Amino acid sequence: MFEELRDIERRYEELAYRISAPQAAADPAAYAALMRDYKELTPLIETWQRYRALQSEVAEEQAALEAEQDPAFTDMVQQELRKNRETLSELEENLKLLLLPKDADDEKSIIMEIRAGTGGEEAALFARDLWRMYTMYAARRGWACETIQASETELGGVKEIIFSIEGAGVYSRLKFESGAHRVQRVPETEAQGRIQTSAATVAVMPEAEEVELELDPRDLRIDTFRASGAGGQHINKTSSAIRVTHLPTGLVVECQDQRSQRENRDRALKVLRSRLLQQKQQAYDQEYNARRQSQVGSGDRSERIRTYNFPQGRLTDHRIGLTIYRLDEVLDGDLDLVVEPLLLADREEKLKQQSGASQG
């Protein structure tokens, strides 16, 4: 581990030199990549430097104990030495965590898609509740949400909604949400008070940047149509809604939530680019895609990952065996009650794999 840290520190110093070079800013894209790599390594290097400084301090304290005869001074040094050794152990564990391989997409913003599954109108209402949960969680963390496309029902549910969440590290915290979410409750539409099971699926895609995936205009067919609301009612009289078809793959993206054709077109292309990037990654690296879709458990969207039981106020995440009785808090945006245990389970699994690899 320590030899690896020394190699990384040399790379960090090289990055610092290249960033400070007068010609560095001449290529904005290359400069941005350098800065991104530098910032990513900074927490690791700072922890490594603290570790080495404390190691030197511990060595000095040990030397002082061997030379000192005064009992009072010896006792004081021993107390300080015990404290510093505990801190060294904690820093070493932190270094192991910081050395774990990171998902290349972790710092990205995301495109999230929620679709009502089995359960009719109740599934659409549950999809709306999930959307509300994610937007409230985003607000707690200072992230920005923007609706790209929504298909609403007459009772206020959503058959499908696509929206972006922008901010630092969004994907790292929400990538585990991909999958089937199941709800057990008495539907608003159920007069006899029977508990019904419904479902909605969630897909989380890291937002693709233009430099990652360039779209050829010749591969696109762009159609315009009038935007409409729930039940087919027209909400404007101009053809501002956009439908983009990617001819090589047949992927179709629609956007009608913005006021102008240009805004709808830009957002539709953003979704298309993210879908194509995801498709490309699936084609070239199935193992990476499975890990990216859901680091804990399978990334298959059809797999039930979580159950929301309203009669008992219970939420269960089936991938890690987590059960909590704070359902209302989670649905009101306190999603860290679930996210943090998922992140912990992911780290523990990676440490286990790393330990197995080093022993092998």
Protein backbone atom coordinates (compact mmCIF):
# COMPACT_ATOMS: atom_id res chain seq x y z
CA MET A 1 0.00 0.00 0.00
CA PHE A 2 2.72 2.45 0.96
CA GLU A 3 4.66 1.97 -2.28
CA GLU A 4 1.45 2.67 -4.17
CA LEU A 5 0.94 5.84 -2.12
CA ARG A 6 4.44 7.04 -2.94
CA ASP A 7 3.75 6.50 -6.65
CA ILE A 8 0.48 8.42 -6.40
CA GLU A 9 2.20 11.27 -4.58
CA ARG A 10 4.73 11.56 -7.41
CA ARG A 11 1.86 11.70 -9.89
CA TYR A 12 0.14 14.35 -7.75
CA GLU A 13 3.27 16.50 -7.76
CA GLU A 14 3.54 16.11 -11.53
CA LEU A 15 -0.08 17.22 -11.93
CA ALA A 16 0.59 20.28 -9.76
CA TYR A 17 3.58 21.17 -11.96
CA ARG A 18 1.61 20.75 -15.20
CA ILE A 19 -1.32 22.82 -13.90
CA SER A 20 0.98 25.68 -12.93
CA ALA A 21 2.74 25.71 -16.31
CA PRO A 22 2.05 28.91 -18.34
CA GLN A 23 0.79 26.97 -21.36
CA ALA A 24 -1.60 24.75 -19.35
CA ALA A 25 -4.68 26.92 -19.93
CA ALA A 26 -4.17 26.95 -23.70
CA ASP A 27 -6.22 23.75 -24.00
CA PRO A 28 -9.31 24.23 -21.78
CA ALA A 29 -10.45 20.59 -22.05
CA ALA A 30 -7.02 19.21 -21.13
CA TYR A 31 -6.68 21.75 -18.30
CA ALA A 32 -10.10 20.78 -16.91
CA ALA A 33 -9.05 17.10 -16.96
CA LEU A 34 -5.83 17.92 -15.10
CA MET A 35 -7.74 19.90 -12.46
CA ARG A 36 -10.27 17.09 -12.06
CA ASP A 37 -7.51 14.52 -11.49
CA TYR A 38 -5.69 16.86 -9.08
CA LYS A 39 -8.80 17.52 -6.99
CA GLU A 40 -9.65 13.83 -6.91
CA LEU A 41 -6.23 12.94 -5.50
CA THR A 42 -6.05 15.81 -2.99
CA PRO A 43 -7.94 14.11 -0.08
CA LEU A 44 -5.78 11.00 -0.43
CA ILE A 45 -2.50 12.92 -0.55
CA GLU A 46 -3.47 15.16 2.39
CA THR A 47 -4.29 12.08 4.48
CA TRP A 48 -1.02 10.41 3.40
CA GLN A 49 0.97 13.51 4.40
CA ARG A 50 -0.76 13.63 7.80
CA TYR A 51 0.03 9.93 8.28
CA ARG A 52 3.74 10.40 7.54
CA ALA A 53 4.00 13.48 9.76
CA LEU A 54 2.39 11.57 12.63
CA GLN A 55 4.71 8.61 12.01
CA SER A 56 7.69 10.94 12.51
CA GLU A 57 6.12 12.31 15.68
CA VAL A 58 5.61 8.77 17.04
CA ALA A 59 9.24 7.89 16.28
CA GLU A 60 10.41 10.98 18.18
CA GLU A 61 8.21 10.09 21.17
CA GLN A 62 9.55 6.54 21.24
CA ALA A 63 13.14 7.86 21.17
CA ALA A 64 12.28 10.29 24.00
CA LEU A 65 10.94 7.43 26.15
CA GLU A 66 14.16 5.46 25.74
CA ALA A 67 16.31 8.43 26.79
CA GLU A 68 14.13 9.99 29.52
CA GLN A 69 14.33 9.00 33.21
CA ASP A 70 11.79 11.40 34.74
CA PRO A 71 8.63 9.35 35.63
CA ALA A 72 6.22 12.28 35.24
CA PHE A 73 7.56 13.19 31.81
CA THR A 74 7.60 9.52 30.76
CA ASP A 75 3.93 9.13 31.75
CA MET A 76 2.95 12.20 29.73
CA VAL A 77 4.84 10.96 26.64
CA GLN A 78 3.27 7.51 26.94
CA GLN A 79 -0.23 9.00 26.99
CA GLU A 80 0.53 11.08 23.93
CA LEU A 81 2.08 8.07 22.21
CA ARG A 82 -1.03 5.94 22.79
CA LYS A 83 -3.23 8.68 21.39
CA ASN A 84 -1.03 9.14 18.30
CA ARG A 85 -0.91 5.39 17.63
CA GLU A 86 -4.73 5.26 17.68
CA THR A 87 -4.82 8.18 15.24
CA LEU A 88 -2.28 6.42 13.00
CA SER A 89 -4.48 3.34 12.92
CA GLU A 90 -7.51 5.46 11.95
CA LEU A 91 -5.54 7.25 9.24
CA GLU A 92 -4.36 3.92 7.83
CA GLU A 93 -7.97 2.72 7.56
CA ASN A 94 -8.88 6.00 5.84
CA LEU A 95 -6.03 5.52 3.39
CA LYS A 96 -7.31 2.04 2.53
CA LEU A 97 -10.74 3.49 1.81
CA LEU A 98 -9.34 6.35 -0.25
CA LEU A 99 -7.28 3.89 -2.30
CA LEU A 100 -10.35 1.88 -3.29
CA PRO A 101 -11.10 2.11 -7.01
CA LYS A 102 -13.63 4.82 -7.75
CA ASP A 103 -16.42 4.74 -10.25
CA ALA A 104 -15.39 7.13 -13.02
CA ASP A 105 -18.91 8.56 -13.02
CA ASP A 106 -19.21 9.23 -9.28
CA GLU A 107 -18.81 13.00 -9.42
CA LYS A 108 -21.27 13.46 -12.28
CA SER A 109 -24.79 14.82 -12.33
CA ILE A 110 -27.49 12.36 -13.38
CA ILE A 111 -30.51 11.78 -15.55
CA MET A 112 -33.15 9.87 -13.58
CA GLU A 113 -36.13 8.08 -15.12
CA ILE A 114 -39.07 6.84 -13.05
CA ARG A 115 -41.77 4.70 -14.66
CA ALA A 116 -44.99 3.35 -13.19
CA GLY A 117 -45.04 -0.45 -13.27
CA THR A 118 -47.69 -2.95 -12.25
CA GLY A 119 -50.61 -1.49 -10.32
CA GLY A 120 -52.35 0.91 -12.66
CA GLU A 121 -53.19 4.33 -11.23
CA GLU A 122 -51.74 3.41 -7.83
CA ALA A 123 -48.38 2.65 -9.47
CA ALA A 124 -48.48 6.08 -11.12
CA LEU A 125 -49.17 7.72 -7.76
CA PHE A 126 -46.27 5.78 -6.22
CA ALA A 127 -43.99 6.90 -9.07
CA ARG A 128 -44.98 10.47 -8.22
CA ASP A 129 -44.09 9.83 -4.55
CA LEU A 130 -40.65 8.54 -5.54
CA TRP A 131 -40.10 11.64 -7.69
CA ARG A 132 -41.05 13.82 -4.72
CA MET A 133 -38.66 11.86 -2.46
CA TYR A 134 -35.72 12.35 -4.81
CA THR A 135 -36.39 16.05 -5.40
CA MET A 136 -36.69 16.68 -1.65
CA TYR A 137 -33.44 14.78 -1.07
CA ALA A 138 -31.76 16.86 -3.77
CA ALA A 139 -32.98 20.06 -2.10
CA ARG A 140 -31.48 18.94 1.22
CA ARG A 141 -28.10 18.48 -0.45
CA GLY A 142 -28.23 21.69 -2.45
CA TRP A 143 -28.59 19.98 -5.84
CA ALA A 144 -30.67 21.38 -8.69
CA CYS A 145 -33.53 19.39 -10.26
CA GLU A 146 -35.08 20.03 -13.66
CA THR A 147 -37.90 18.11 -15.33
CA ILE A 148 -37.14 17.02 -18.87
CA GLN A 149 -40.24 15.03 -19.71
CA ALA A 150 -43.34 14.00 -17.73
CA SER A 151 -46.41 11.98 -18.61
CA GLU A 152 -49.03 12.67 -15.94
CA THR A 153 -52.33 10.95 -15.13
CA GLU A 154 -55.63 12.66 -14.38
CA LEU A 155 -55.33 11.81 -10.67
CA GLY A 156 -51.92 13.45 -10.36
CA GLY A 157 -49.72 10.41 -10.77
CA VAL A 158 -46.96 10.01 -13.35
CA LYS A 159 -46.74 7.21 -15.90
CA GLU A 160 -43.19 8.31 -16.64
CA ILE A 161 -40.97 11.18 -15.61
CA ILE A 162 -37.44 12.01 -16.72
CA PHE A 163 -35.50 14.68 -14.85
CA SER A 164 -31.96 15.81 -14.19
CA ILE A 165 -30.28 16.27 -10.82
CA GLU A 166 -27.18 18.44 -11.02
CA GLY A 167 -24.49 18.87 -8.41
CA ALA A 168 -21.21 17.48 -7.15
CA GLY A 169 -21.19 13.75 -6.47
CA VAL A 170 -24.86 13.15 -7.32
CA TYR A 171 -24.22 9.84 -9.09
CA SER A 172 -22.10 8.52 -6.23
CA ARG A 173 -25.07 8.78 -3.85
CA LEU A 174 -27.96 7.86 -6.14
CA LYS A 175 -26.50 5.14 -8.37
CA PHE A 176 -27.90 2.46 -6.05
CA GLU A 177 -31.47 3.59 -6.78
CA SER A 178 -31.67 1.77 -10.14
CA GLY A 179 -34.14 -1.08 -9.97
CA ALA A 180 -37.72 -2.01 -9.11
CA HIS A 181 -39.29 -0.28 -6.11
CA ARG A 182 -42.35 -1.98 -4.59
CA VAL A 183 -45.04 -0.33 -2.46
CA GLN A 184 -47.60 -1.96 -0.16
CA ARG A 185 -50.44 0.31 0.95
CA VAL A 186 -54.14 1.06 0.71
CA PRO A 187 -54.47 2.98 -2.58
CA GLU A 188 -56.15 6.36 -2.73
CA THR A 189 -58.38 4.82 -5.41
CA GLU A 190 -59.39 1.80 -3.24
CA ALA A 191 -62.73 2.34 -1.54
CA GLN A 192 -62.75 -0.91 0.49
CA GLY A 193 -59.43 -0.31 2.23
CA ARG A 194 -57.56 -3.36 0.94
CA ILE A 195 -53.76 -3.30 0.83
CA GLN A 196 -52.43 -3.39 -2.71
CA THR A 197 -48.93 -4.09 -4.01
CA SER A 198 -47.71 -1.87 -6.84
CA ALA A 199 -44.34 -1.08 -8.35
CA ALA A 200 -42.30 1.54 -10.18
CA THR A 201 -38.91 1.25 -11.84
CA VAL A 202 -36.08 3.73 -11.44
CA ALA A 203 -33.15 4.16 -13.82
CA VAL A 204 -30.13 6.33 -12.95
CA MET A 205 -27.73 7.40 -15.70
CA PRO A 206 -24.63 9.56 -15.26
CA GLU A 207 -25.02 12.68 -17.36
CA ALA A 208 -22.85 12.39 -20.45
CA GLU A 209 -20.75 15.37 -21.43
CA GLU A 210 -20.49 16.45 -25.05
CA VAL A 211 -16.78 15.65 -25.09
CA GLU A 212 -17.56 12.06 -24.07
CA LEU A 213 -20.09 11.35 -26.77
CA GLU A 214 -20.41 13.52 -29.86
CA LEU A 215 -23.66 13.21 -31.81
CA ASP A 216 -23.52 13.26 -35.61
CA PRO A 217 -26.38 15.47 -36.88
CA ARG A 218 -26.80 13.07 -39.82
CA ASP A 219 -27.78 10.36 -37.33
CA LEU A 220 -30.64 12.41 -35.88
CA ARG A 221 -34.21 12.95 -37.00
CA ILE A 222 -35.80 15.84 -35.13
CA ASP A 223 -39.59 16.26 -35.25
CA THR A 224 -41.72 18.96 -33.66
CA PHE A 225 -45.23 18.65 -32.26
CA ARG A 226 -47.57 20.48 -29.92
CA ALA A 227 -46.97 20.03 -26.22
CA SER A 228 -49.89 18.56 -24.31
CA GLY A 229 -50.81 17.98 -20.69
CA ALA A 230 -52.63 15.23 -18.81
CA GLY A 231 -55.50 13.69 -20.73
CA GLY A 232 -54.25 15.09 -24.04
CA GLN A 233 -55.24 18.68 -23.36
CA HIS A 234 -53.06 21.10 -25.33
CA ILE A 235 -51.13 23.53 -23.18
CA ASN A 236 -49.92 25.70 -26.06
CA LYS A 237 -50.73 26.35 -29.68
CA THR A 238 -47.21 26.22 -31.07
CA SER A 239 -45.14 23.20 -32.03
CA SER A 240 -42.53 23.63 -29.29
CA ALA A 241 -42.29 19.98 -28.24
CA ILE A 242 -39.37 18.00 -29.67
CA ARG A 243 -38.95 14.35 -30.60
CA VAL A 244 -35.39 13.22 -31.36
CA THR A 245 -34.80 9.85 -33.04
CA HIS A 246 -31.29 8.41 -33.13
CA LEU A 247 -31.42 6.58 -36.46
CA PRO A 248 -28.56 4.06 -35.92
CA THR A 249 -30.06 2.72 -32.67
CA GLY A 250 -33.73 3.64 -32.94
CA LEU A 251 -33.64 5.40 -29.56
CA VAL A 252 -36.37 8.05 -29.24
CA VAL A 253 -36.43 10.92 -26.74
CA GLU A 254 -39.23 13.48 -26.37
CA CYS A 255 -39.20 16.73 -24.43
CA GLN A 256 -42.07 19.20 -24.11
CA ASP A 257 -41.69 20.75 -20.66
CA GLN A 258 -39.74 23.84 -21.76
CA ARG A 259 -41.18 26.92 -23.42
CA SER A 260 -39.13 26.97 -26.58
CA GLN A 261 -38.10 24.48 -29.22
CA ARG A 262 -34.44 25.21 -28.54
CA GLU A 263 -34.72 24.45 -24.81
CA ASN A 264 -36.67 21.25 -25.47
CA ARG A 265 -34.15 20.22 -28.12
CA ASP A 266 -31.18 20.80 -25.79
CA ARG A 267 -32.75 18.73 -23.02
CA ALA A 268 -33.78 15.93 -25.35
CA LEU A 269 -30.22 15.72 -26.68
CA LYS A 270 -28.91 15.62 -23.10
CA VAL A 271 -31.07 12.58 -22.33
CA LEU A 272 -30.18 10.93 -25.65
CA ARG A 273 -26.47 11.44 -25.06
CA SER A 274 -26.70 9.88 -21.58
CA ARG A 275 -28.67 6.89 -22.90
CA LEU A 276 -26.20 6.34 -25.71
CA LEU A 277 -23.25 6.56 -23.33
CA GLN A 278 -24.89 3.98 -21.10
CA GLN A 279 -25.58 1.75 -24.10
CA LYS A 280 -21.97 2.09 -25.23
CA GLN A 281 -20.70 1.10 -21.82
CA GLN A 282 -23.03 -1.89 -21.73
CA ALA A 283 -21.79 -3.07 -25.10
CA TYR A 284 -18.08 -2.72 -24.34
CA ASP A 285 -17.91 -3.56 -20.65
CA GLN A 286 -20.73 -5.63 -19.15
CA GLU A 287 -18.92 -6.13 -15.87
CA TYR A 288 -18.35 -2.40 -15.41
CA ASN A 289 -21.95 -1.65 -16.27
CA ALA A 290 -23.27 -4.13 -13.71
CA ARG A 291 -21.12 -2.50 -11.02
CA ARG A 292 -22.15 0.98 -12.13
CA GLN A 293 -25.88 0.27 -12.22
CA SER A 294 -25.86 -1.06 -8.65
CA GLN A 295 -22.69 -1.58 -6.65
CA VAL A 296 -24.71 -3.57 -4.11
CA GLY A 297 -26.56 -6.43 -5.79
CA SER A 298 -27.55 -6.77 -9.42
CA GLY A 299 -28.19 -3.73 -11.61
CA ASP A 300 -31.12 -5.43 -13.37
CA ARG A 301 -33.95 -2.90 -13.41
CA SER A 302 -36.52 -5.71 -13.13
CA GLU A 303 -35.08 -6.87 -9.80
CA ARG A 304 -36.97 -5.74 -6.72
CA ILE A 305 -34.48 -3.73 -4.70
CA ARG A 306 -36.72 -2.07 -2.10
CA THR A 307 -40.16 -2.36 -0.50
CA TYR A 308 -42.10 0.54 1.02
CA ASN A 309 -44.72 -0.85 3.46
CA PHE A 310 -47.08 1.92 4.53
CA PRO A 311 -49.25 0.02 7.08
CA GLN A 312 -46.15 -0.75 9.15
CA GLY A 313 -44.19 2.41 8.27
CA ARG A 314 -41.42 0.08 7.16
CA LEU A 315 -38.80 0.34 4.43
CA THR A 316 -36.72 -2.68 3.43
CA ASP A 317 -33.74 -2.66 1.09
CA HIS A 318 -33.46 -6.29 -0.01
CA ARG A 319 -29.87 -6.07 -1.29
CA ILE A 320 -28.28 -5.50 2.10
CA GLY A 321 -31.06 -6.73 4.38
CA LEU A 322 -31.75 -3.24 5.74
CA THR A 323 -35.09 -2.65 7.49
CA ILE A 324 -36.02 0.67 9.08
CA TYR A 325 -39.30 1.94 10.50
CA ARG A 326 -38.92 5.56 9.41
CA LEU A 327 -40.74 5.43 6.08
CA ASP A 328 -42.31 8.90 6.35
CA GLU A 329 -38.90 10.50 6.96
CA VAL A 330 -37.36 8.77 3.95
CA LEU A 331 -40.25 9.77 1.67
CA ASP A 332 -39.87 13.35 2.92
CA GLY A 333 -36.31 13.42 1.62
CA ASP A 334 -34.19 11.93 4.41
CA LEU A 335 -32.84 9.37 1.95
CA ASP A 336 -29.45 9.24 3.68
CA LEU A 337 -31.09 6.80 6.11
CA VAL A 338 -30.85 4.34 3.21
CA VAL A 339 -27.98 5.77 1.16
CA GLU A 340 -25.40 5.68 3.97
CA PRO A 341 -25.86 1.96 4.76
CA LEU A 342 -25.64 1.20 1.02
CA LEU A 343 -22.40 3.17 0.72
CA LEU A 344 -21.00 1.40 3.80
CA ALA A 345 -21.91 -2.02 2.40
CA ASP A 346 -20.29 -1.09 -0.91
CA ARG A 347 -17.06 0.03 0.81
CA GLU A 348 -16.94 -3.13 2.93
CA GLU A 349 -17.40 -5.31 -0.14
CA LYS A 350 -14.63 -3.47 -2.00
CA LEU A 351 -12.27 -3.79 0.98
CA LYS A 352 -13.03 -7.50 1.15
CA GLN A 353 -12.29 -7.89 -2.56
CA GLN A 354 -9.11 -5.83 -2.22
CA SER A 355 -7.96 -7.95 0.72
CA GLY A 356 -8.70 -11.16 -1.18
CA ALA A 357 -6.80 -9.94 -4.22
CA SER A 358 -3.75 -8.95 -2.16
CA GLN A 359 -3.72 -12.33 -0.38
CA GLY A 360 -4.13 -14.16 -3.67
